[in-house]
């Protein structure tokens, strides 16, 4: 069976939902709807540049950098920057597309963007990493801004890297006299608290997924949380916070994994203890060692892919025994696998809903930066939960009335929101 690229998957998903949505529009509007869908199949712009960095030994090295701006009908482009060896033009195009839907799902006024650099940051010194971060920010500088495109951290990037990028962007604005009274700090989110970052941002993506889990548990009538077993593939920031909050709420986390492998303990794992051990030894411990593929096939209540895209394929899908899947990674399930999981009756909560807590809290950070007024940790989380709960409830209603899967219901809500604004603006 042919394996599609990430962007091909994103386009297939868009085409699938377009077939369902088209008949909701009057006959005289359908040709404009078709034009809008065709436009949404490709990003508005994709920038690519080779960045030359001086290494500590005095040599120079080139790194390929990208930024994809998918659609801004609903507001400025918004999306993370990842430093990873597998970054590609296709990947950032796909991720920026999914970001458009993610922002639309929760109703925040952004469109989708995504960027990255092909690099293994772990082999760079702190100085080399800073020079690369600044070079990337300077490459982006003409194309971003608080009302244009608002980047954030993603895979292998963090608050420190955002701080370097903010500083470089601010220097560029001063040199080119392009600041026009805008606050450069509002151009990046995911920053350290000292530089205008938001309380709660670090845990927001994982916690947003927990709010989704709680609503799903209500719908599935899982009254005894202890009996809800959860396997989480990926133990980075998102996987850890999802695991911790699930554990704290009384769910049983039975499996965790990182890039080296996985552990399984049917009696349950304490994510904080697992993380503490990993930080000391570099490996996961506390359960039986299994492979990442074995983790995906465990007989659990909820499977949570929280690593990279395309991990649940048509080959893996028949082996999955979970009652539900909550996609905390971006694009972890291929369209072919989607169809197989649907036939098996597995309830799948798609990424653009499940992991929208991160971009929602990035939006809160942006609002705080623009106003120069900052909220407490409790205020941020109090604002996050209603947005996630409302999005889930609205999509569940679409699912029930349309008799579609949760993915299709989520995409129906998101794509219709974007297309309606394209029509309203007269862009098609």
Protein backbone atom coordinates (compact mmCIF):
# COMPACT_ATOMS: atom_id res chain seq x y z
CA UNK A 1 0.00 0.00 0.00
CA UNK A 2 1.35 3.44 -0.97
CA UNK A 3 2.48 5.60 1.90
CA UNK A 4 1.46 9.22 1.48
CA UNK A 5 3.53 12.15 2.64
CA UNK A 6 2.28 14.28 5.53
CA UNK A 7 1.01 17.01 3.20
CA UNK A 8 -0.66 14.48 0.93
CA UNK A 9 -2.46 13.16 4.02
CA UNK A 10 -3.56 16.68 4.91
CA UNK A 11 -4.95 17.20 1.41
CA UNK A 12 -6.74 13.83 1.44
CA UNK A 13 -8.40 14.76 4.73
CA UNK A 14 -9.48 18.13 3.29
CA UNK A 15 -10.91 16.49 0.18
CA UNK A 16 -12.84 13.99 2.30
CA UNK A 17 -14.49 16.68 4.40
CA UNK A 18 -15.16 18.89 1.37
CA UNK A 19 -17.36 16.16 -0.14
CA UNK A 20 -19.49 16.17 3.01
CA UNK A 21 -19.61 19.97 3.43
CA UNK A 22 -20.30 20.99 -0.17
CA UNK A 23 -24.02 20.23 -0.03
CA UNK A 24 -24.44 22.53 2.97
CA UNK A 25 -23.91 25.49 0.64
CA UNK A 26 -26.50 26.89 -1.78
CA UNK A 27 -26.10 25.88 -5.45
CA UNK A 28 -24.93 29.36 -6.44
CA UNK A 29 -22.19 29.29 -3.77
CA UNK A 30 -20.81 25.81 -4.48
CA UNK A 31 -18.39 26.93 -7.21
CA UNK A 32 -16.90 29.48 -4.77
CA UNK A 33 -16.73 26.74 -2.13
CA UNK A 34 -14.79 24.55 -4.60
CA UNK A 35 -12.39 27.44 -5.28
CA UNK A 36 -11.86 27.90 -1.54
CA UNK A 37 -11.10 24.20 -1.05
CA UNK A 38 -8.61 24.22 -3.95
CA UNK A 39 -6.90 27.26 -2.42
CA UNK A 40 -6.69 25.56 1.00
CA UNK A 41 -4.89 22.55 -0.48
CA UNK A 42 -1.67 24.55 -0.71
CA UNK A 43 -0.23 27.18 1.67
CA UNK A 44 -0.37 30.85 0.77
CA UNK A 45 3.43 31.01 0.93
CA UNK A 46 6.35 28.72 1.75
CA UNK A 47 9.72 30.35 2.41
CA UNK A 48 12.95 28.37 2.16
CA UNK A 49 16.50 29.53 2.87
CA UNK A 50 19.96 28.09 3.45
CA UNK A 51 21.34 29.51 6.70
CA UNK A 52 25.13 29.72 7.05
CA UNK A 53 26.37 29.42 10.64
CA UNK A 54 29.88 29.76 12.01
CA UNK A 55 30.72 26.72 14.14
CA UNK A 56 32.84 26.82 17.28
CA UNK A 57 35.88 25.44 15.41
CA UNK A 58 35.78 28.37 12.97
CA UNK A 59 34.27 26.42 10.07
CA UNK A 60 30.98 27.32 8.39
CA UNK A 61 27.99 25.03 8.00
CA UNK A 62 24.72 25.41 6.11
CA UNK A 63 21.27 24.49 7.44
CA UNK A 64 18.09 24.45 5.37
CA UNK A 65 15.24 26.45 6.93
CA UNK A 66 11.52 26.69 6.12
CA UNK A 67 8.41 28.64 7.05
CA UNK A 68 4.96 27.76 5.71
CA UNK A 69 2.07 30.22 5.95
CA UNK A 70 -1.09 28.31 5.11
CA UNK A 71 -4.09 30.63 5.42
CA UNK A 72 -4.84 33.86 7.28
CA UNK A 73 -8.57 34.34 6.66
CA UNK A 74 -9.22 34.00 10.39
CA UNK A 75 -6.23 36.02 11.58
CA UNK A 76 -2.39 36.07 11.65
CA UNK A 77 -0.55 32.86 10.76
CA UNK A 78 0.33 30.91 13.91
CA UNK A 79 2.54 27.90 14.43
CA UNK A 80 5.66 26.43 15.90
CA UNK A 81 9.30 26.18 14.84
CA UNK A 82 10.93 22.77 15.04
CA UNK A 83 14.63 21.90 14.93
CA UNK A 84 14.80 18.29 13.73
CA UNK A 85 16.63 16.17 11.18
CA UNK A 86 13.35 15.13 9.53
CA UNK A 87 12.07 18.65 8.89
CA UNK A 88 11.09 19.10 5.24
CA UNK A 89 9.13 21.41 3.00
CA UNK A 90 6.35 18.83 2.83
CA UNK A 91 6.20 18.49 6.61
CA UNK A 92 5.88 22.22 7.35
CA UNK A 93 3.22 22.53 4.63
CA UNK A 94 1.20 19.75 6.30
CA UNK A 95 1.67 21.08 9.81
CA UNK A 96 0.68 24.62 8.80
CA UNK A 97 -2.49 23.21 7.22
CA UNK A 98 -3.38 21.34 10.40
CA UNK A 99 -2.69 24.49 12.41
CA UNK A 100 -5.34 26.34 10.41
CA UNK A 101 -7.92 23.75 11.43
CA UNK A 102 -6.66 23.64 15.02
CA UNK A 103 -7.12 27.38 15.49
CA UNK A 104 -10.56 27.25 13.88
CA UNK A 105 -11.68 24.37 16.13
CA UNK A 106 -11.23 26.36 19.34
CA UNK A 107 -12.38 29.61 17.75
CA UNK A 108 -9.16 31.56 18.31
CA UNK A 109 -8.44 34.26 15.69
CA UNK A 110 -5.45 32.74 13.93
CA UNK A 111 -4.61 30.96 10.69
CA UNK A 112 -2.02 28.23 10.32
CA UNK A 113 1.75 28.49 10.04
CA UNK A 114 4.72 26.22 10.73
CA UNK A 115 8.47 26.36 10.36
CA UNK A 116 11.64 24.47 10.99
CA UNK A 117 15.30 23.83 10.37
CA UNK A 118 16.87 20.55 9.28
CA UNK A 119 19.26 19.98 12.18
CA UNK A 120 19.98 17.73 15.12
CA UNK A 121 20.26 20.42 17.82
CA UNK A 122 21.76 17.96 20.29
CA UNK A 123 25.08 18.04 18.43
CA UNK A 124 25.31 21.84 18.60
CA UNK A 125 26.97 23.76 21.39
CA UNK A 126 24.96 26.46 23.20
CA UNK A 127 26.76 29.11 21.13
CA UNK A 128 26.07 27.33 17.84
CA UNK A 129 22.42 26.85 18.79
CA UNK A 130 22.06 30.54 19.59
CA UNK A 131 23.66 31.54 16.26
CA UNK A 132 21.33 29.20 14.37
CA UNK A 133 18.29 30.53 16.25
CA UNK A 134 19.24 34.11 15.50
CA UNK A 135 19.90 33.33 11.83
CA UNK A 136 16.48 31.71 11.56
CA UNK A 137 14.80 34.71 13.22
CA UNK A 138 16.54 37.09 10.80
CA UNK A 139 15.45 34.93 7.85
CA UNK A 140 11.86 35.12 9.13
CA UNK A 141 11.89 38.75 10.21
CA UNK A 142 10.49 40.34 7.00
CA UNK A 143 7.56 37.91 6.95
CA UNK A 144 6.39 37.87 10.58
CA UNK A 145 4.95 40.26 13.15
CA UNK A 146 2.22 40.44 15.83
CA UNK A 147 -0.48 40.95 13.19
CA UNK A 148 1.17 38.90 10.42
CA UNK A 149 2.69 35.63 11.67
CA UNK A 150 3.32 34.60 15.29
CA UNK A 151 5.80 31.69 15.68
CA UNK A 152 6.25 29.54 18.80
CA UNK A 153 8.34 26.59 20.08
CA UNK A 154 7.80 23.10 18.73
CA UNK A 155 9.92 19.93 18.58
CA UNK A 156 13.42 20.58 20.04
CA UNK A 157 12.83 24.30 20.56
CA UNK A 158 11.99 26.06 23.83
CA UNK A 159 11.65 29.34 25.67
CA UNK A 160 15.37 30.10 25.52
CA UNK A 161 15.38 29.74 21.73
CA UNK A 162 12.31 32.02 21.52
CA UNK A 163 14.15 34.58 23.67
CA UNK A 164 17.08 34.63 21.22
CA UNK A 165 14.67 34.93 18.31
CA UNK A 166 12.73 37.79 19.92
CA UNK A 167 15.98 39.65 20.52
CA UNK A 168 17.17 39.14 16.93
CA UNK A 169 13.77 40.15 15.52
CA UNK A 170 13.79 43.30 17.65
CA UNK A 171 17.28 44.20 16.38
CA UNK A 172 16.10 43.70 12.78
CA UNK A 173 13.09 45.97 13.40
CA UNK A 174 15.33 48.71 14.80
CA UNK A 175 17.86 48.41 11.96
CA UNK A 176 15.17 48.60 9.29
CA UNK A 177 12.94 51.10 11.14
CA UNK A 178 9.97 48.77 10.69
CA UNK A 179 8.72 48.54 14.26
CA UNK A 180 5.87 51.07 13.70
CA UNK A 181 5.07 51.06 17.38
CA UNK A 182 4.46 47.30 17.53
CA UNK A 183 5.61 45.28 20.52
CA UNK A 184 8.21 42.82 19.14
CA UNK A 185 7.68 40.56 22.14
CA UNK A 186 4.16 39.82 20.83
CA UNK A 187 5.64 38.32 17.65
CA UNK A 188 6.71 35.09 19.38
CA UNK A 189 4.91 32.99 21.98
CA UNK A 190 6.22 30.24 24.24
CA UNK A 191 8.72 32.70 25.71
CA UNK A 192 10.21 32.60 29.22
CA UNK A 193 8.03 34.32 31.85
CA UNK A 194 10.68 37.02 32.26
CA UNK A 195 10.25 38.01 28.60
CA UNK A 196 6.48 38.13 28.45
CA UNK A 197 5.71 34.42 28.47
CA UNK A 198 2.45 33.13 29.89
CA UNK A 199 1.86 31.16 33.04
CA UNK A 200 0.71 27.61 32.23
CA UNK A 201 2.18 27.50 28.71
CA UNK A 202 4.54 24.59 29.39
CA UNK A 203 1.77 22.22 30.44
CA UNK A 204 -1.01 23.65 28.25
CA UNK A 205 -0.93 21.17 25.36
CA UNK A 206 -0.92 18.10 27.59
CA UNK A 207 -3.50 19.60 29.95
CA UNK A 208 -5.78 20.54 27.05
CA UNK A 209 -5.71 16.89 26.05
CA UNK A 210 -6.76 15.93 29.58
CA UNK A 211 -9.78 18.23 29.35
CA UNK A 212 -10.68 16.34 26.17
CA UNK A 213 -10.14 13.00 27.94
CA UNK A 214 -12.47 14.06 30.76
CA UNK A 215 -15.26 14.98 28.31
CA UNK A 216 -14.71 11.73 26.41
CA UNK A 217 -14.92 9.76 29.66
CA UNK A 218 -18.32 11.37 30.30
CA UNK A 219 -19.60 10.40 26.84
CA UNK A 220 -18.20 6.85 27.10
CA UNK A 221 -19.54 6.50 30.67
CA UNK A 222 -16.15 5.59 32.13
CA UNK A 223 -17.20 6.30 35.69
CA UNK A 224 -14.32 4.48 37.42
CA UNK A 225 -11.18 6.35 36.35
CA UNK A 226 -8.91 3.74 37.92
CA UNK A 227 -10.18 1.22 35.37
CA UNK A 228 -9.35 3.54 32.46
CA UNK A 229 -5.90 2.35 31.34
CA UNK A 230 -3.80 4.70 29.22
CA UNK A 231 -0.76 4.00 27.00
CA UNK A 232 1.19 7.07 25.89
CA UNK A 233 3.66 6.93 23.01
CA UNK A 234 6.07 9.81 23.44
CA UNK A 235 7.40 11.20 26.72
CA UNK A 236 8.42 14.69 25.70
CA UNK A 237 6.72 17.82 27.03
CA UNK A 238 3.26 16.91 25.72
CA UNK A 239 3.37 13.24 26.67
CA UNK A 240 4.71 13.99 30.14
CA UNK A 241 2.10 16.60 31.05
CA UNK A 242 -0.73 14.47 29.66
CA UNK A 243 0.55 11.52 31.70
CA UNK A 244 1.03 13.57 34.87
CA UNK A 245 -2.42 15.18 34.78
CA UNK A 246 -4.06 11.85 33.91
CA UNK A 247 -2.27 10.20 36.86
CA UNK A 248 -3.20 13.07 39.20
CA UNK A 249 -6.87 12.71 38.23
CA UNK A 250 -6.90 8.99 39.04
CA UNK A 251 -6.49 7.39 35.61
CA UNK A 252 -4.07 4.45 35.32
CA UNK A 253 -1.10 5.20 33.07
CA UNK A 254 0.20 1.73 32.13
CA UNK A 255 2.73 2.48 29.36
CA UNK A 256 5.13 5.26 28.38
CA UNK A 257 7.75 5.51 25.67
CA UNK A 258 10.48 7.65 24.21
CA UNK A 259 12.60 7.32 21.07
CA UNK A 260 14.66 4.51 22.65
CA UNK A 261 11.79 2.24 23.64
CA UNK A 262 8.82 1.80 25.95
CA UNK A 263 7.86 0.45 29.37
CA UNK A 264 4.64 -1.29 30.40
CA UNK A 265 3.25 -1.90 33.86
CA UNK A 266 -0.41 -3.03 34.07
CA UNK A 267 -0.51 -1.91 37.71
CA UNK A 268 0.28 1.65 36.64
CA UNK A 269 3.21 4.05 36.39
CA UNK A 270 3.88 7.33 38.22
CA UNK A 271 4.96 9.75 35.44
CA UNK A 272 6.85 12.03 37.83
CA UNK A 273 8.95 9.14 39.10
CA UNK A 274 9.56 7.86 35.56
CA UNK A 275 10.72 11.33 34.49
CA UNK A 276 13.00 11.70 37.52
CA UNK A 277 14.65 8.36 36.73
CA UNK A 278 15.01 9.22 33.06
CA UNK A 279 16.69 12.51 33.92
CA UNK A 280 19.20 10.61 36.10
CA UNK A 281 19.86 7.58 33.90
CA UNK A 282 18.70 8.59 30.42
CA UNK A 283 16.28 5.67 30.18
CA UNK A 284 12.69 4.87 31.15
CA UNK A 285 12.17 2.42 34.00
CA UNK A 286 9.40 1.14 36.24
CA UNK A 287 7.91 -1.51 34.00
CA UNK A 288 8.57 -4.25 31.46
CA UNK A 289 10.62 -3.09 28.46
CA UNK A 290 8.62 -3.25 25.21
CA UNK A 291 8.94 -1.68 21.76
CA UNK A 292 7.05 1.38 20.57
CA UNK A 293 5.09 -0.83 18.17
CA UNK A 294 4.12 -3.16 21.01
CA UNK A 295 2.90 -0.15 22.99
CA UNK A 296 0.54 0.79 20.15
CA UNK A 297 -0.98 -2.71 20.24
CA UNK A 298 -1.57 -2.91 24.01
CA UNK A 299 -5.03 -3.87 25.29
CA UNK A 300 -5.81 -0.51 26.93
CA UNK A 301 -8.77 1.84 27.20
CA UNK A 302 -7.04 4.86 25.67
CA UNK A 303 -4.05 5.04 23.33
CA UNK A 304 -2.28 8.40 23.17
CA UNK A 305 0.19 8.91 20.30
CA UNK A 306 2.23 11.92 21.47
CA UNK A 307 5.37 11.66 19.33
CA UNK A 308 5.67 12.34 15.59
CA UNK A 309 3.39 11.96 12.57
CA UNK A 310 2.45 8.79 10.65
CA UNK A 311 3.01 6.29 13.49
CA UNK A 312 -0.42 4.66 13.16
CA UNK A 313 -0.40 3.21 9.66
CA UNK A 314 -2.60 0.73 7.76
CA UNK A 315 -0.23 -2.01 8.96
CA UNK A 316 -0.48 -0.97 12.63
CA UNK A 317 -4.22 -0.16 12.75
CA UNK A 318 -5.48 -3.79 12.74
CA UNK A 319 -3.34 -4.51 15.81
CA UNK A 320 -4.78 -1.68 17.91
CA UNK A 321 -7.01 -2.87 20.76
CA UNK A 322 -7.72 0.45 22.50
CA UNK A 323 -11.32 1.63 22.81
CA UNK A 324 -10.28 5.20 22.03
CA UNK A 325 -7.34 7.15 20.63
CA UNK A 326 -6.47 10.70 21.63
CA UNK A 327 -4.01 12.19 19.13
CA UNK A 328 -1.62 14.43 21.05
CA UNK A 329 0.97 14.39 18.25
CA UNK A 330 0.37 16.18 14.96
CA UNK A 331 -0.80 13.84 12.19
CA UNK A 332 0.00 10.52 13.91
CA UNK A 333 -2.63 8.56 11.95
CA UNK A 334 -2.65 8.05 8.19
CA UNK A 335 -5.97 8.33 6.28
CA UNK A 336 -5.80 4.62 5.43
CA UNK A 337 -5.42 3.76 9.11
CA UNK A 338 -8.24 6.16 9.96
CA UNK A 339 -10.67 4.17 7.82
CA UNK A 340 -9.61 0.88 9.43
CA UNK A 341 -9.95 2.27 12.96
CA UNK A 342 -13.41 3.63 12.13
CA UNK A 343 -14.50 0.18 10.94
CA UNK A 344 -13.26 -1.30 14.22
CA UNK A 345 -15.44 1.15 16.15
CA UNK A 346 -12.51 2.89 17.83
CA UNK A 347 -13.36 6.46 18.87
CA UNK A 348 -10.57 8.73 17.67
CA UNK A 349 -10.16 12.29 18.95
CA UNK A 350 -8.14 14.05 16.24
CA UNK A 351 -5.01 16.09 16.82
CA UNK A 352 -6.54 19.40 15.75
CA UNK A 353 -8.89 19.15 18.72
CA UNK A 354 -6.90 17.06 21.22
CA UNK A 355 -3.69 19.09 21.23
CA UNK A 356 -5.20 22.55 20.67
CA UNK A 357 -4.47 23.55 24.28
CA UNK A 358 -0.97 24.68 23.32
CA UNK A 359 -1.97 27.11 20.59
CA UNK A 360 -4.87 28.33 22.72
CA UNK A 361 -2.50 29.28 25.54
CA UNK A 362 -0.14 30.80 22.97
CA UNK A 363 -3.09 32.97 21.98
CA UNK A 364 -3.50 33.96 25.65
CA UNK A 365 0.21 34.90 25.75
CA UNK A 366 -0.17 37.03 22.60
CA UNK A 367 -3.19 38.83 24.09
CA UNK A 368 -1.27 39.51 27.32
CA UNK A 369 1.72 40.85 25.34
CA UNK A 370 -0.46 43.16 23.25
CA UNK A 371 -2.13 44.57 26.36
CA UNK A 372 0.91 44.54 28.66
CA UNK A 373 -1.22 42.90 31.36
CA UNK A 374 -0.45 39.44 32.70
CA UNK A 375 -2.63 36.72 34.22
CA UNK A 376 -1.93 34.27 37.02
CA UNK A 377 -1.47 30.53 36.45
CA UNK A 378 -4.98 29.90 37.78
CA UNK A 379 -6.48 32.55 35.46
CA UNK A 380 -4.82 31.03 32.40
CA UNK A 381 -6.04 27.51 33.16
CA UNK A 382 -9.50 28.85 34.02
CA UNK A 383 -9.66 30.40 30.55
CA UNK A 384 -8.32 27.28 28.79
CA UNK A 385 -10.77 24.68 30.07
CA UNK A 386 -14.00 26.38 28.85
CA UNK A 387 -12.58 26.74 25.33
CA UNK A 388 -11.51 23.08 25.16
CA UNK A 389 -14.77 21.86 26.70
CA UNK A 390 -16.89 23.95 24.32
CA UNK A 391 -14.94 22.75 21.28
CA UNK A 392 -15.39 19.10 22.30
CA UNK A 393 -19.11 19.48 22.99
CA UNK A 394 -19.76 21.29 19.70
CA UNK A 395 -17.85 18.67 17.70
CA UNK A 396 -19.54 15.77 19.49
CA UNK A 397 -22.89 17.30 18.47
CA UNK A 398 -21.74 17.51 14.84
CA UNK A 399 -20.61 13.87 15.08
CA UNK A 400 -24.01 12.74 16.36
CA UNK A 401 -26.10 14.74 13.88
CA UNK A 402 -23.93 14.03 10.83
CA UNK A 403 -23.20 10.37 11.74
CA UNK A 404 -19.57 11.04 10.86
CA UNK A 405 -16.39 10.12 12.73
CA UNK A 406 -14.91 12.53 15.26
CA UNK A 407 -12.19 13.43 12.75
CA UNK A 408 -14.70 14.27 10.05
CA UNK A 409 -16.90 16.14 12.54
CA UNK A 410 -13.89 18.15 13.73
CA UNK A 411 -12.83 18.96 10.19
CA UNK A 412 -16.40 19.86 9.21
CA UNK A 413 -16.50 22.49 11.96
CA UNK A 414 -13.00 23.79 11.27
CA UNK A 415 -13.05 23.86 7.47
CA UNK A 416 -16.52 25.43 7.36
CA UNK A 417 -15.33 28.18 9.72
CA UNK A 418 -12.38 28.99 7.45
CA UNK A 419 -14.31 28.75 4.18
CA UNK A 420 -17.12 30.94 5.54
CA UNK A 421 -14.60 33.67 6.37
CA UNK A 422 -12.98 33.35 2.94
CA UNK A 423 -16.44 33.86 1.43
CA UNK A 424 -17.23 36.74 3.79
CA UNK A 425 -13.96 38.48 2.93
CA UNK A 426 -14.58 38.00 -0.79
CA UNK A 427 -11.36 36.07 -1.28
CA UNK A 428 -13.11 33.48 -3.46
